[in-house]
PDB file of N, CA and C in Angstrom:
ATOM      1  N   MET A   1      13.266 102.022 -98.316  1.00  0.00           N
ATOM      2  CA  MET A   1      13.529 102.802 -97.791  1.00  0.00           C
ATOM      3  C   MET A   1      13.562 104.008 -98.303  1.00  0.00           C
ATOM      4  N   ALA A   2      14.058 104.521 -99.031  1.00  0.00           N
ATOM      5  CA  ALA A   2      14.610 106.161 -98.925  1.00  0.00           C
ATOM      6  C   ALA A   2      12.814 106.379 -98.910  1.00  0.00           C
ATOM      7  N   ASP A   3      12.731 105.878-100.020  1.00  0.00           N
ATOM      8  CA  ASP A   3      10.546 106.290-100.477  1.00  0.00           C
ATOM      9  C   ASP A   3       9.592 106.601 -99.518  1.00  0.00           C
ATOM     10  N   LYS A   4      10.256 105.579 -97.693  1.00  0.00           N
ATOM     11  CA  LYS A   4       9.251 105.665 -97.101  1.00  0.00           C
ATOM     12  C   LYS A   4       9.668 106.884 -96.345  1.00  0.00           C
ATOM     13  N   LYS A   5      10.893 107.738 -96.377  1.00  0.00           N
ATOM     14  CA  LYS A   5      11.666 108.685 -95.885  1.00  0.00           C
ATOM     15  C   LYS A   5      10.956 109.492 -96.353  1.00  0.00           C
ATOM     16  N   LYS A   6      10.919 109.902 -98.035  1.00  0.00           N
ATOM     17  CA  LYS A   6      10.534 110.793 -98.624  1.00  0.00           C
ATOM     18  C   LYS A   6       8.965 111.161 -98.186  1.00  0.00           C
ATOM     19  N   SER A   7       8.332 110.105 -98.518  1.00  0.00           N
ATOM     20  CA  SER A   7       7.043 110.209 -98.144  1.00  0.00           C
ATOM     21  C   SER A   7       6.226 110.538 -97.067  1.00  0.00           C
ATOM     22  N   PHE A   8       6.945 110.528 -95.674  1.00  0.00           N
ATOM     23  CA  PHE A   8       7.148 110.670 -94.808  1.00  0.00           C
ATOM     24  C   PHE A   8       7.232 112.974 -94.543  1.00  0.00           C
ATOM     25  N   ILE A   9       8.945 112.790 -94.965  1.00  0.00           N
ATOM     26  CA  ILE A   9       8.965 114.489 -94.942  1.00  0.00           C
ATOM     27  C   ILE A   9       7.399 114.901 -95.784  1.00  0.00           C
ATOM     28  N   LYS A  10       7.134 114.271 -96.468  1.00  0.00           N
ATOM     29  CA  LYS A  10       6.071 115.183 -97.997  1.00  0.00           C
ATOM     30  C   LYS A  10       4.646 115.267 -96.942  1.00  0.00           C
ATOM     31  N   ASP A  11       4.798 114.410 -96.264  1.00  0.00           N
ATOM     32  CA  ASP A  11       3.356 114.188 -95.476  1.00  0.00           C
ATOM     33  C   ASP A  11       3.324 115.349 -94.248  1.00  0.00           C
ATOM     34  N   LEU A  12       4.867 115.161 -93.772  1.00  0.00           N
ATOM     35  CA  LEU A  12       4.840 116.286 -92.504  1.00  0.00           C
ATOM     36  C   LEU A  12       5.041 117.736 -93.060  1.00  0.00           C
ATOM     37  N   LYS A  13       5.149 117.939 -94.669  1.00  0.00           N
ATOM     38  CA  LYS A  13       5.626 119.309 -94.959  1.00  0.00           C
ATOM     39  C   LYS A  13       4.089 119.826 -95.071  1.00  0.00           C
ATOM     40  N   ASP A  14       3.237 119.234 -95.396  1.00  0.00           N
ATOM     41  CA  ASP A  14       1.793 119.437 -95.500  1.00  0.00           C
ATOM     42  C   ASP A  14       0.976 119.653 -93.895  1.00  0.00           C
ATOM     43  N   LYS A  15       1.522 119.251 -92.864  1.00  0.00           N
ATOM     44  CA  LYS A  15       0.621 119.732 -91.697  1.00  0.00           C
ATOM     45  C   LYS A  15       0.723 121.341 -91.596  1.00  0.00           C
ATOM     46  N   SER A  16      -0.143 121.596 -90.447  1.00  0.00           N
ATOM     47  CA  SER A  16       0.246 122.573 -89.664  1.00  0.00           C
ATOM     48  C   SER A  16       1.081 122.447 -88.957  1.00  0.00           C
ATOM     49  N   VAL A  17       1.582 123.937 -88.443  1.00  0.00           N
ATOM     50  CA  VAL A  17       1.885 123.752 -87.400  1.00  0.00           C
ATOM     51  C   VAL A  17       1.909 122.719 -85.633  1.00  0.00           C
ATOM     52  N   LYS A  18       0.335 123.304 -85.273  1.00  0.00           N
ATOM     53  CA  LYS A  18      -0.445 122.414 -84.584  1.00  0.00           C
ATOM     54  C   LYS A  18       0.013 120.774 -84.601  1.00  0.00           C
ATOM     55  N   GLU A  19      -0.621 120.190 -86.020  1.00  0.00           N
ATOM     56  CA  GLU A  19      -0.409 118.428 -86.544  1.00  0.00           C
ATOM     57  C   GLU A  19       0.964 118.609 -85.992  1.00  0.00           C
ATOM     58  N   LEU A  20       1.893 119.359 -86.271  1.00  0.00           N
ATOM     59  CA  LEU A  20       3.196 119.213 -86.606  1.00  0.00           C
ATOM     60  C   LEU A  20       3.941 118.525 -84.480  1.00  0.00           C
ATOM     61  N   VAL A  21       3.095 119.314 -83.941  1.00  0.00           N
ATOM     62  CA  VAL A  21       3.539 119.161 -82.446  1.00  0.00           C
ATOM     63  C   VAL A  21       2.612 118.014 -81.851  1.00  0.00           C
ATOM     64  N   GLN A  22       1.541 117.707 -82.297  1.00  0.00           N
ATOM     65  CA  GLN A  22       1.097 116.871 -82.522  1.00  0.00           C
ATOM     66  C   GLN A  22       1.499 115.577 -82.553  1.00  0.00           C
ATOM     67  N   THR A  23       2.545 115.009 -83.879  1.00  0.00           N
ATOM     68  CA  THR A  23       2.760 113.954 -84.265  1.00  0.00           C
ATOM     69  C   THR A  23       4.693 114.269 -83.455  1.00  0.00           C
ATOM     70  N   ARG A  24       4.711 114.932 -83.129  1.00  0.00           N
ATOM     71  CA  ARG A  24       6.630 115.328 -82.714  1.00  0.00           C
ATOM     72  C   ARG A  24       5.980 114.271 -80.790  1.00  0.00           C
ATOM     73  N   THR A  25       5.009 114.521 -80.306  1.00  0.00           N
ATOM     74  CA  THR A  25       4.381 114.325 -79.319  1.00  0.00           C
ATOM     75  C   THR A  25       4.391 112.436 -79.192  1.00  0.00           C
ATOM     76  N   LYS A  26       3.458 112.296 -79.445  1.00  0.00           N
ATOM     77  CA  LYS A  26       3.666 110.485 -80.275  1.00  0.00           C
ATOM     78  C   LYS A  26       4.902 110.307 -81.087  1.00  0.00           C
ATOM     79  N   LEU A  27       5.868 110.596 -81.619  1.00  0.00           N
ATOM     80  CA  LEU A  27       6.984 110.372 -81.661  1.00  0.00           C
ATOM     81  C   LEU A  27       7.785 109.862 -80.455  1.00  0.00           C
ATOM     82  N   LYS A  28       7.760 110.970 -79.487  1.00  0.00           N
ATOM     83  CA  LYS A  28       8.503 110.624 -78.424  1.00  0.00           C
ATOM     84  C   LYS A  28       8.205 110.226 -77.536  1.00  0.00           C
ATOM     85  N   GLN A  29       6.428 110.170 -77.255  1.00  0.00           N
ATOM     86  CA  GLN A  29       5.967 109.017 -76.779  1.00  0.00           C
ATOM     87  C   GLN A  29       6.704 107.611 -76.821  1.00  0.00           C
ATOM     88  N   GLU A  30       6.546 107.293 -78.376  1.00  0.00           N
ATOM     89  CA  GLU A  30       7.115 105.716 -78.865  1.00  0.00           C
ATOM     90  C   GLU A  30       8.286 105.718 -79.302  1.00  0.00           C
ATOM     91  N   LEU A  31       9.288 106.255 -78.773  1.00  0.00           N
ATOM     92  CA  LEU A  31      10.890 106.439 -78.388  1.00  0.00           C
ATOM     93  C   LEU A  31      11.179 106.164 -76.869  1.00  0.00           C
ATOM     94  N   HIS A  32      10.228 106.528 -75.974  1.00  0.00           N
ATOM     95  CA  HIS A  32      10.285 106.583 -74.986  1.00  0.00           C
ATOM     96  C   HIS A  32      10.179 105.155 -74.782  1.00  0.00           C
ATOM     97  N   GLY A  33       9.106 104.709 -75.158  1.00  0.00           N
ATOM     98  CA  GLY A  33       8.267 103.082 -75.096  1.00  0.00           C
ATOM     99  C   GLY A  33       9.474 102.232 -75.633  1.00  0.00           C
ATOM    100  N   LEU A  34      10.330 102.618 -76.661  1.00  0.00           N
ATOM    101  CA  LEU A  34      10.754 101.805 -77.459  1.00  0.00           C
ATOM    102  C   LEU A  34      12.194 101.820 -76.244  1.00  0.00           C
ATOM    103  N   LYS A  35      12.966 102.845 -75.613  1.00  0.00           N
ATOM    104  CA  LYS A  35      13.509 102.781 -75.517  1.00  0.00           C
ATOM    105  C   LYS A  35      13.273 102.179 -74.170  1.00  0.00           C
ATOM    106  N   MET A  36      12.212 102.133 -72.756  1.00  0.00           N
ATOM    107  CA  MET A  36      12.104 101.247 -71.901  1.00  0.00           C
ATOM    108  C   MET A  36      12.160  99.945 -72.144  1.00  0.00           C
ATOM    109  N   LYS A  37      11.498  99.223 -73.531  1.00  0.00           N
ATOM    110  CA  LYS A  37      11.643  98.106 -73.814  1.00  0.00           C
ATOM    111  C   LYS A  37      12.609  96.967 -74.078  1.00  0.00           C
ATOM    112  N   HIS A  38      13.867  98.482 -75.042  1.00  0.00           N
ATOM    113  CA  HIS A  38      15.484  98.354 -74.925  1.00  0.00           C
ATOM    114  C   HIS A  38      15.967  97.829 -74.156  1.00  0.00           C
ATOM    115  N   ALA A  39      15.371  98.897 -72.787  1.00  0.00           N
ATOM    116  CA  ALA A  39      15.985  98.223 -71.231  1.00  0.00           C
ATOM    117  C   ALA A  39      15.638  97.066 -70.503  1.00  0.00           C
ATOM    118  N   ILE A  40      14.842  96.955 -70.822  1.00  0.00           N
ATOM    119  CA  ILE A  40      14.385  95.054 -70.182  1.00  0.00           C
ATOM    120  C   ILE A  40      14.559  94.039 -70.874  1.00  0.00           C
ATOM    121  N   LYS A  41      15.112  94.095 -72.331  1.00  0.00           N
ATOM    122  CA  LYS A  41      15.468  93.401 -73.141  1.00  0.00           C
ATOM    123  C   LYS A  41      14.090  92.961 -74.078  1.00  0.00           C
ATOM    124  N   TRP A  42      13.085  93.416 -74.184  1.00  0.00           N
ATOM    125  CA  TRP A  42      11.846  92.996 -75.588  1.00  0.00           C
ATOM    126  C   TRP A  42      12.056  93.293 -76.312  1.00  0.00           C
ATOM    127  N   LEU A  43      13.182  94.559 -76.951  1.00  0.00           N
ATOM    128  CA  LEU A  43      13.020  95.124 -78.332  1.00  0.00           C
ATOM    129  C   LEU A  43      14.478  94.416 -78.989  1.00  0.00           C
ATOM    130  N   LYS A  44      13.525  93.724 -79.924  1.00  0.00           N
ATOM    131  CA  LYS A  44      14.394  92.985 -81.414  1.00  0.00           C
ATOM    132  C   LYS A  44      15.054  93.746 -82.022  1.00  0.00           C
ATOM    133  N   GLN A  45      14.085  94.695 -82.657  1.00  0.00           N
ATOM    134  CA  GLN A  45      14.744  96.118 -83.490  1.00  0.00           C
ATOM    135  C   GLN A  45      15.265  97.070 -83.302  1.00  0.00           C
ATOM    136  N   ILE A  46      17.092  96.578 -82.509  1.00  0.00           N
ATOM    137  CA  ILE A  46      17.168  98.133 -81.853  1.00  0.00           C
ATOM    138  C   ILE A  46      17.199  99.280 -82.780  1.00  0.00           C
ATOM    139  N   HIS A  47      17.317  99.467 -84.028  1.00  0.00           N
ATOM    140  CA  HIS A  47      17.440 100.202 -84.980  1.00  0.00           C
ATOM    141  C   HIS A  47      16.393 101.125 -85.298  1.00  0.00           C
ATOM    142  N   GLN A  48      14.654 100.547 -84.491  1.00  0.00           N
ATOM    143  CA  GLN A  48      13.983 101.524 -84.523  1.00  0.00           C
ATOM    144  C   GLN A  48      13.988 102.596 -83.224  1.00  0.00           C
ATOM    145  N   ILE A  49      14.735 102.682 -82.633  1.00  0.00           N
ATOM    146  CA  ILE A  49      15.211 103.694 -81.985  1.00  0.00           C
ATOM    147  C   ILE A  49      15.910 104.857 -82.470  1.00  0.00           C
ATOM    148  N   LYS A  50      17.191 104.728 -83.292  1.00  0.00           N
ATOM    149  CA  LYS A  50      17.218 105.540 -83.796  1.00  0.00           C
ATOM    150  C   LYS A  50      16.556 106.077 -85.120  1.00  0.00           C
ATOM    151  N   GLN A  51      15.589 105.689 -85.556  1.00  0.00           N
ATOM    152  CA  GLN A  51      14.588 105.937 -86.928  1.00  0.00           C
ATOM    153  C   GLN A  51      13.281 106.530 -85.961  1.00  0.00           C
ATOM    154  N   THR A  52      12.659 106.196 -84.917  1.00  0.00           N
ATOM    155  CA  THR A  52      12.765 107.289 -84.326  1.00  0.00           C
ATOM    156  C   THR A  52      13.275 108.669 -83.867  1.00  0.00           C
ATOM    157  N   ARG A  53      14.210 108.696 -83.383  1.00  0.00           N
ATOM    158  CA  ARG A  53      14.876 110.005 -82.722  1.00  0.00           C
ATOM    159  C   ARG A  53      15.415 110.933 -84.052  1.00  0.00           C
ATOM    160  N   LYS A  54      15.888 110.208 -85.070  1.00  0.00           N
ATOM    161  CA  LYS A  54      15.961 110.869 -86.563  1.00  0.00           C
ATOM    162  C   LYS A  54      14.315 111.388 -86.590  1.00  0.00           C
ATOM    163  N   ASP A  55      13.134 110.941 -86.549  1.00  0.00           N
ATOM    164  CA  ASP A  55      12.395 111.303 -87.114  1.00  0.00           C
ATOM    165  C   ASP A  55      11.761 112.863 -86.562  1.00  0.00           C
ATOM    166  N   VAL A  56      12.353 112.675 -85.072  1.00  0.00           N
ATOM    167  CA  VAL A  56      11.568 113.874 -83.817  1.00  0.00           C
ATOM    168  C   VAL A  56      12.546 114.869 -84.300  1.00  0.00           C
ATOM    169  N   ALA A  57      13.673 114.428 -84.490  1.00  0.00           N
ATOM    170  CA  ALA A  57      14.178 115.783 -85.049  1.00  0.00           C
ATOM    171  C   ALA A  57      13.578 116.136 -86.824  1.00  0.00           C
ATOM    172  N   ARG A  58      13.202 115.589 -87.629  1.00  0.00           N
ATOM    173  CA  ARG A  58      13.406 116.600 -88.772  1.00  0.00           C
ATOM    174  C   ARG A  58      11.634 117.040 -88.359  1.00  0.00           C
ATOM    175  N   VAL A  59      11.008 116.489 -87.650  1.00  0.00           N
ATOM    176  CA  VAL A  59       9.563 117.241 -87.395  1.00  0.00           C
ATOM    177  C   VAL A  59      10.288 118.987 -86.694  1.00  0.00           C
ATOM    178  N   ASN A  60      11.163 118.325 -85.181  1.00  0.00           N
ATOM    179  CA  ASN A  60      10.923 119.687 -84.837  1.00  0.00           C
ATOM    180  C   ASN A  60      11.768 120.962 -86.320  1.00  0.00           C
ATOM    181  N   THR A  61      12.419 120.138 -86.751  1.00  0.00           N
ATOM    182  CA  THR A  61      13.603 120.926 -88.013  1.00  0.00           C
ATOM    183  C   THR A  61      12.271 121.649 -89.297  1.00  0.00           C
ATOM    184  N   LEU A  62      11.353 120.707 -89.293  1.00  0.00           N
ATOM    185  CA  LEU A  62      10.036 121.805 -90.096  1.00  0.00           C
ATOM    186  C   LEU A  62       9.760 122.589 -89.471  1.00  0.00           C
ATOM    187  N   LEU A  63       9.093 121.796 -87.731  1.00  0.00           N
ATOM    188  CA  LEU A  63       8.481 122.521 -87.329  1.00  0.00           C
ATOM    189  C   LEU A  63       9.306 124.020 -86.988  1.00  0.00           C
ATOM    190  N   THR A  64      10.404 124.539 -86.623  1.00  0.00           N
ATOM    191  CA  THR A  64      11.069 125.241 -86.428  1.00  0.00           C
ATOM    192  C   THR A  64      10.951 126.359 -87.847  1.00  0.00           C
ATOM    193  N   SER A  65      11.429 125.485 -88.802  1.00  0.00           N
ATOM    194  CA  SER A  65      11.195 126.610 -90.148  1.00  0.00           C
ATOM    195  C   SER A  65       9.646 126.691 -90.328  1.00  0.00           C
ATOM    196  N   LYS A  66       8.447 126.140 -89.831  1.00  0.00           N
ATOM    197  CA  LYS A  66       7.315 127.046 -90.546  1.00  0.00           C
ATOM    198  C   LYS A  66       6.775 128.055 -89.400  1.00  0.00           C
ATOM    199  N   ILE A  67       7.564 127.994 -88.019  1.00  0.00           N
ATOM    200  CA  ILE A  67       7.459 128.947 -86.869  1.00  0.00           C
ATOM    201  C   ILE A  67       8.079 130.011 -87.747  1.00  0.00           C
ATOM    202  N   LYS A  68       9.475 129.744 -88.049  1.00  0.00           N
ATOM    203  CA  LYS A  68      10.418 131.204 -88.592  1.00  0.00           C
ATOM    204  C   LYS A  68       9.181 131.714 -89.721  1.00  0.00           C
ATOM    205  N   GLU A  69       9.244 130.425 -90.457  1.00  0.00           N
ATOM    206  CA  GLU A  69       8.593 131.624 -91.780  1.00  0.00           C
ATOM    207  C   GLU A  69       6.832 132.237 -91.441  1.00  0.00           C
ATOM    208  N   LYS A  70       6.103 131.937 -90.487  1.00  0.00           N
ATOM    209  CA  LYS A  70       5.217 132.372 -89.928  1.00  0.00           C
ATOM    210  C   LYS A  70       5.278 133.213 -88.923  1.00  0.00           C
ATOM    211  N   TYR A  71       6.141 133.947 -88.156  1.00  0.00           N
ATOM    212  CA  TYR A  71       6.128 134.924 -87.318  1.00  0.00           C
ATOM    213  C   TYR A  71       7.609 135.657 -87.684  1.00  0.00           C
ATOM    214  N   GLY A  72       8.579 135.343 -88.266  1.00  0.00           N
ATOM    215  CA  GLY A  72       9.686 135.937 -88.902  1.00  0.00           C
ATOM    216  C   GLY A  72      10.638 134.871 -87.822  1.00  0.00           C
ATOM    217  N   ASN A  73      12.647 136.000 -88.409  1.00  0.00           N
ATOM    218  CA  ASN A  73      13.654 135.637 -87.339  1.00  0.00           C
ATOM    219  C   ASN A  73      13.438 135.958 -86.009  1.00  0.00           C
ATOM    220  N   SER A  74      12.763 136.825 -85.374  1.00  0.00           N
ATOM    221  CA  SER A  74      12.735 137.908 -84.395  1.00  0.00           C
ATOM    222  C   SER A  74      12.624 136.699 -83.099  1.00  0.00           C
ATOM    223  N   MET A  75      12.419 135.410 -83.357  1.00  0.00           N
ATOM    224  CA  MET A  75      12.117 133.947 -81.888  1.00  0.00           C
ATOM    225  C   MET A  75      13.582 133.871 -82.005  1.00  0.00           C
ATOM    226  N   LYS A  76      13.581 133.590 -80.284  1.00  0.00           N
ATOM    227  CA  LYS A  76      14.998 133.017 -80.069  1.00  0.00           C
ATOM    228  C   LYS A  76      14.710 131.842 -79.114  1.00  0.00           C
TER     229      LYS A  76
END
């Protein structure tokens, strides 16, 4: 589990800002689908919602970091 998370983060660090935005969009769509499945009681592995939500947060953190690195701290 920890190795999977580390490899996921390592892969994200190698991506550009545009690729991170695309990854975030894909993860948000996946999260929406998981929530819908859970609402109609089709989702058996509920922990996937939490994992996907954390992955979105990881992407957002790296995205913010890369944007600040590229454009400076002037963004609000």
